[in-house]
C-alpha atoms as a PDB file:
ATOM      1  CA  MET A   1       0.000   0.000   0.000  1.00  0.00           C
ATOM      2  CA  LYS A   2       1.329   3.430  -0.909  1.00  0.00           C
ATOM      3  CA  ILE A   3       0.266   6.663   0.786  1.00  0.00           C
ATOM      4  CA  VAL A   4      -0.236   9.487  -1.665  1.00  0.00           C
ATOM      5  CA  PRO A   5      -0.454  13.069  -0.351  1.00  0.00           C
ATOM      6  CA  VAL A   6      -3.463  15.069  -1.463  1.00  0.00           C
ATOM      7  CA  VAL A   7      -2.825  18.740  -2.156  1.00  0.00           C
ATOM      8  CA  ARG A   8      -5.484  21.309  -2.853  1.00  0.00           C
ATOM      9  CA  LYS A   9      -4.392  24.832  -3.687  1.00  0.00           C
ATOM     10  CA  ALA A  10      -6.860  27.640  -3.141  1.00  0.00           C
ATOM     11  CA  LYS A  11      -6.990  31.122  -1.702  1.00  0.00           C
ATOM     12  CA  LEU A  12      -7.855  31.156   1.990  1.00  0.00           C
ATOM     13  CA  LYS A  13     -10.812  33.465   1.418  1.00  0.00           C
ATOM     14  CA  ASP A  14     -12.280  30.955  -1.068  1.00  0.00           C
ATOM     15  CA  ILE A  15     -12.156  27.951   1.262  1.00  0.00           C
ATOM     16  CA  ASP A  16     -15.338  27.194   3.204  1.00  0.00           C
ATOM     17  CA  GLU A  17     -14.335  24.104   5.144  1.00  0.00           C
ATOM     18  CA  ASP A  18     -17.473  24.106   7.301  1.00  0.00           C
ATOM     19  CA  TRP A  19     -19.688  23.882   4.202  1.00  0.00           C
ATOM     20  CA  GLU A  20     -17.548  21.108   2.728  1.00  0.00           C
ATOM     21  CA  ASN A  21     -17.661  19.161   5.994  1.00  0.00           C
ATOM     22  CA  LEU A  22     -21.440  19.535   6.148  1.00  0.00           C
ATOM     23  CA  GLN A  23     -21.824  18.335   2.570  1.00  0.00           C
ATOM     24  CA  TYR A  24     -19.608  15.329   3.262  1.00  0.00           C
ATOM     25  CA  TRP A  25     -21.519  14.225   6.361  1.00  0.00           C
ATOM     26  CA  LEU A  26     -24.887  14.756   4.701  1.00  0.00           C
ATOM     27  CA  SER A  27     -23.738  12.455   1.906  1.00  0.00           C
ATOM     28  CA  ARG A  28     -22.976   9.644   4.386  1.00  0.00           C
ATOM     29  CA  PRO A  29     -25.671   7.167   5.542  1.00  0.00           C
ATOM     30  CA  VAL A  30     -27.479   7.934   8.811  1.00  0.00           C
ATOM     31  CA  LYS A  31     -26.037   4.820  10.440  1.00  0.00           C
ATOM     32  CA  GLU A  32     -22.475   5.971   9.703  1.00  0.00           C
ATOM     33  CA  ARG A  33     -23.187   9.496  11.010  1.00  0.00           C
ATOM     34  CA  ALA A  34     -24.658   8.109  14.245  1.00  0.00           C
ATOM     35  CA  ALA A  35     -21.642   5.836  14.715  1.00  0.00           C
ATOM     36  CA  ALA A  36     -19.284   8.799  14.238  1.00  0.00           C
ATOM     37  CA  VAL A  37     -21.160  10.914  16.805  1.00  0.00           C
ATOM     38  CA  THR A  38     -21.155   8.048  19.306  1.00  0.00           C
ATOM     39  CA  LYS A  39     -17.424   7.564  18.811  1.00  0.00           C
ATOM     40  CA  LEU A  40     -16.718  11.275  19.324  1.00  0.00           C
ATOM     41  CA  ILE A  41     -18.790  11.306  22.511  1.00  0.00           C
ATOM     42  CA  SER A  42     -16.995   8.213  23.809  1.00  0.00           C
ATOM     43  CA  PHE A  43     -13.657  10.041  23.485  1.00  0.00           C
ATOM     44  CA  SER A  44     -14.824  12.600  26.046  1.00  0.00           C
ATOM     45  CA  LEU A  45     -16.014  10.004  28.587  1.00  0.00           C
ATOM     46  CA  LYS A  46     -13.953   8.671  31.470  1.00  0.00           C
ATOM     47  CA  PRO A  47     -13.107   4.929  31.385  1.00  0.00           C
ATOM     48  CA  ASP A  48     -16.041   3.750  33.571  1.00  0.00           C
ATOM     49  CA  GLN A  49     -18.457   6.501  32.560  1.00  0.00           C
ATOM     50  CA  GLN A  50     -21.447   5.826  30.311  1.00  0.00           C
ATOM     51  CA  MET A  51     -23.081   8.167  27.835  1.00  0.00           C
ATOM     52  CA  ASP A  52     -25.924  10.200  29.353  1.00  0.00           C
ATOM     53  CA  LYS A  53     -28.920   9.356  27.178  1.00  0.00           C
ATOM     54  CA  THR A  54     -31.443  11.537  28.998  1.00  0.00           C
ATOM     55  CA  PHE A  55     -31.154  14.208  26.296  1.00  0.00           C
ATOM     56  CA  VAL A  56     -31.766  11.819  23.416  1.00  0.00           C
ATOM     57  CA  VAL A  57     -35.166  12.283  21.797  1.00  0.00           C
ATOM     58  CA  LYS A  58     -36.554   9.297  19.938  1.00  0.00           C
ATOM     59  CA  ARG A  59     -38.959  10.116  17.131  1.00  0.00           C
ATOM     60  CA  LYS A  60     -40.722   7.848  14.687  1.00  0.00           C
ATOM     61  CA  LEU A  61     -40.210   8.617  11.021  1.00  0.00           C
ATOM     62  CA  HIS A  62     -43.345   9.217   8.998  1.00  0.00           C
END
């Protein structure tokens, strides 16, 4: 396997990284997005701490 660097040249004022990140995550399946959020939350938890799910709202899709 060979690692190839990716270079993108653009003016700083033309780069909207937030928009690009949003577009990327909206293009991913819901299951993958949920897994990524869960993983990010788990990084902030202490070893024996569990995720607080009291703020999670479950809704049925129409």
